[in-house]
Amino acid sequence: MTTQTAGTLQVTRIVAAKPETVFDAWTQPEHIRRWSAPEGMDIPISEVDLTVGGRFHLQMRNAEGGAHNARGIYHEIDRPTRLVHSWEWDEHPDHGQ
């Protein structure tokens, strides 16, 4: 389920994996690089400061070398059940904080 209201996007998915495994996939740079980019892109930069108030930075790159940077701040961390963070594209700086 995906819902969006007033600048908030909530994503809920059922995944056949342990909660710890899924949480790590969202928060560990080496895992983020493997699954987070859309088809045809890779993630050469994945930086994570997994603390409340900590920041992350992902750079997605397409086959032609074009880069798209996403950044955010962690607001809630309760491993393995809850992860709340902002998401902002450098190209659209007023749409994610």
C-alpha atoms as a PDB file:
ATOM      1  CA  MET A   1       0.000   0.000   0.000  1.00  0.00           C
ATOM      2  CA  THR A   2       1.212   3.486  -0.838  1.00  0.00           C
ATOM      3  CA  THR A   3      -0.570   6.583   0.422  1.00  0.00           C
ATOM      4  CA  GLN A   4       0.278  10.249   0.078  1.00  0.00           C
ATOM      5  CA  THR A   5      -1.229  13.258   1.833  1.00  0.00           C
ATOM      6  CA  ALA A   6       0.076  16.760   2.509  1.00  0.00           C
ATOM      7  CA  GLY A   7       3.692  16.072   1.609  1.00  0.00           C
ATOM      8  CA  THR A   8       3.820  12.660   3.280  1.00  0.00           C
ATOM      9  CA  LEU A   9       4.291   9.360   1.476  1.00  0.00           C
ATOM     10  CA  GLN A  10       3.766   6.121   3.367  1.00  0.00           C
ATOM     11  CA  VAL A  11       4.910   2.906   1.729  1.00  0.00           C
ATOM     12  CA  THR A  12       3.824  -0.482   3.070  1.00  0.00           C
ATOM     13  CA  ARG A  13       4.880  -3.756   1.458  1.00  0.00           C
ATOM     14  CA  ILE A  14       4.705  -7.416   2.430  1.00  0.00           C
ATOM     15  CA  VAL A  15       8.126  -8.999   1.951  1.00  0.00           C
ATOM     16  CA  ALA A  16       8.987 -12.663   2.488  1.00  0.00           C
ATOM     17  CA  ALA A  17      11.954 -11.909   4.747  1.00  0.00           C
ATOM     18  CA  LYS A  18      12.712 -11.313   8.403  1.00  0.00           C
ATOM     19  CA  PRO A  19      12.048  -7.741   9.588  1.00  0.00           C
ATOM     20  CA  GLU A  20      15.743  -7.341  10.440  1.00  0.00           C
ATOM     21  CA  THR A  21      16.732  -8.262   6.879  1.00  0.00           C
ATOM     22  CA  VAL A  22      14.311  -5.753   5.371  1.00  0.00           C
ATOM     23  CA  PHE A  23      15.364  -3.014   7.791  1.00  0.00           C
ATOM     24  CA  ASP A  24      19.019  -3.609   6.911  1.00  0.00           C
ATOM     25  CA  ALA A  25      18.178  -3.458   3.199  1.00  0.00           C
ATOM     26  CA  TRP A  26      16.849   0.083   3.750  1.00  0.00           C
ATOM     27  CA  THR A  27      19.680   1.256   6.005  1.00  0.00           C
ATOM     28  CA  GLN A  28      22.986  -0.381   5.037  1.00  0.00           C
ATOM     29  CA  PRO A  29      24.794   1.214   2.078  1.00  0.00           C
ATOM     30  CA  GLU A  30      25.950  -2.084   0.556  1.00  0.00           C
ATOM     31  CA  HIS A  31      22.347  -3.360   0.505  1.00  0.00           C
ATOM     32  CA  ILE A  32      20.853  -0.079  -0.733  1.00  0.00           C
ATOM     33  CA  ARG A  33      23.182  -0.206  -3.758  1.00  0.00           C
ATOM     34  CA  ARG A  34      21.804  -3.629  -4.735  1.00  0.00           C
ATOM     35  CA  TRP A  35      18.087  -2.920  -4.828  1.00  0.00           C
ATOM     36  CA  SER A  36      17.197   0.757  -4.608  1.00  0.00           C
ATOM     37  CA  ALA A  37      17.895   2.053  -8.119  1.00  0.00           C
ATOM     38  CA  PRO A  38      15.331   1.738 -10.904  1.00  0.00           C
ATOM     39  CA  GLU A  39      16.099  -0.578 -13.814  1.00  0.00           C
ATOM     40  CA  GLY A  40      18.923   0.773 -15.979  1.00  0.00           C
ATOM     41  CA  MET A  41      20.532   2.733 -13.137  1.00  0.00           C
ATOM     42  CA  ASP A  42      23.094   2.026 -10.448  1.00  0.00           C
ATOM     43  CA  ILE A  43      24.005   3.662  -7.143  1.00  0.00           C
ATOM     44  CA  PRO A  44      27.705   4.560  -6.981  1.00  0.00           C
ATOM     45  CA  ILE A  45      27.224   6.656  -3.825  1.00  0.00           C
ATOM     46  CA  SER A  46      25.292   5.421  -0.789  1.00  0.00           C
ATOM     47  CA  GLU A  47      26.125   7.190   2.482  1.00  0.00           C
ATOM     48  CA  VAL A  48      24.151   6.584   5.672  1.00  0.00           C
ATOM     49  CA  ASP A  49      24.370   8.065   9.185  1.00  0.00           C
ATOM     50  CA  LEU A  50      21.746   5.868  10.828  1.00  0.00           C
ATOM     51  CA  THR A  51      20.977   8.041  13.845  1.00  0.00           C
ATOM     52  CA  VAL A  52      17.960  10.209  14.607  1.00  0.00           C
ATOM     53  CA  GLY A  53      18.873  13.496  12.955  1.00  0.00           C
ATOM     54  CA  GLY A  54      21.475  11.686  10.839  1.00  0.00           C
ATOM     55  CA  ARG A  55      21.531  12.110   7.088  1.00  0.00           C
ATOM     56  CA  PHE A  56      21.737   9.893   4.037  1.00  0.00           C
ATOM     57  CA  HIS A  57      22.835  10.576   0.469  1.00  0.00           C
ATOM     58  CA  LEU A  58      22.212   8.339  -2.543  1.00  0.00           C
ATOM     59  CA  GLN A  59      23.384   9.041  -6.052  1.00  0.00           C
ATOM     60  CA  MET A  60      21.598   7.180  -8.824  1.00  0.00           C
ATOM     61  CA  ARG A  61      23.369   7.127 -12.188  1.00  0.00           C
ATOM     62  CA  ASN A  62      21.937   6.169 -15.558  1.00  0.00           C
ATOM     63  CA  ALA A  63      23.776   4.382 -18.380  1.00  0.00           C
ATOM     64  CA  GLU A  64      24.664   7.705 -20.020  1.00  0.00           C
ATOM     65  CA  GLY A  65      26.310   8.920 -16.799  1.00  0.00           C
ATOM     66  CA  GLY A  66      23.556  11.310 -15.735  1.00  0.00           C
ATOM     67  CA  ALA A  67      23.340  11.520 -11.952  1.00  0.00           C
ATOM     68  CA  HIS A  68      20.370  12.107  -9.658  1.00  0.00           C
ATOM     69  CA  ASN A  69      21.077  12.751  -5.974  1.00  0.00           C
ATOM     70  CA  ALA A  70      18.627  12.014  -3.176  1.00  0.00           C
ATOM     71  CA  ARG A  71      19.178  13.119   0.401  1.00  0.00           C
ATOM     72  CA  GLY A  72      17.256  12.864   3.613  1.00  0.00           C
ATOM     73  CA  ILE A  73      17.236  13.041   7.383  1.00  0.00           C
ATOM     74  CA  TYR A  74      16.263  10.191   9.707  1.00  0.00           C
ATOM     75  CA  HIS A  75      13.422  11.187  12.045  1.00  0.00           C
ATOM     76  CA  GLU A  76      12.516   7.866  13.715  1.00  0.00           C
ATOM     77  CA  ILE A  77      14.523   4.655  13.971  1.00  0.00           C
ATOM     78  CA  ASP A  78      13.143   1.597  15.754  1.00  0.00           C
ATOM     79  CA  ARG A  79      14.951  -1.418  14.329  1.00  0.00           C
ATOM     80  CA  PRO A  80      13.460  -3.537  12.888  1.00  0.00           C
ATOM     81  CA  THR A  81       9.894  -2.215  12.894  1.00  0.00           C
ATOM     82  CA  ARG A  82       9.933   1.479  11.975  1.00  0.00           C
ATOM     83  CA  LEU A  83      12.023   3.820   9.858  1.00  0.00           C
ATOM     84  CA  VAL A  84      10.904   7.390   9.168  1.00  0.00           C
ATOM     85  CA  HIS A  85      12.970   9.738   7.036  1.00  0.00           C
ATOM     86  CA  SER A  86      12.633  12.632   4.656  1.00  0.00           C
ATOM     87  CA  TRP A  87      13.530  12.313   0.972  1.00  0.00           C
ATOM     88  CA  GLU A  88      14.611  15.161  -1.252  1.00  0.00           C
ATOM     89  CA  TRP A  89      15.991  15.198  -4.784  1.00  0.00           C
ATOM     90  CA  ASP A  90      18.736  17.784  -5.369  1.00  0.00           C
ATOM     91  CA  GLU A  91      16.858  18.724  -8.541  1.00  0.00           C
ATOM     92  CA  HIS A  92      13.732  19.565  -6.454  1.00  0.00           C
ATOM     93  CA  PRO A  93      15.032  20.872  -3.100  1.00  0.00           C
ATOM     94  CA  ASP A  94      11.682  22.078  -1.739  1.00  0.00           C
ATOM     95  CA  HIS A  95       9.760  18.816  -2.101  1.00  0.00           C
ATOM     96  CA  GLY A  96      11.012  16.479   0.601  1.00  0.00           C
ATOM     97  CA  GLN A  97      11.940  17.934   3.959  1.00  0.00           C
END
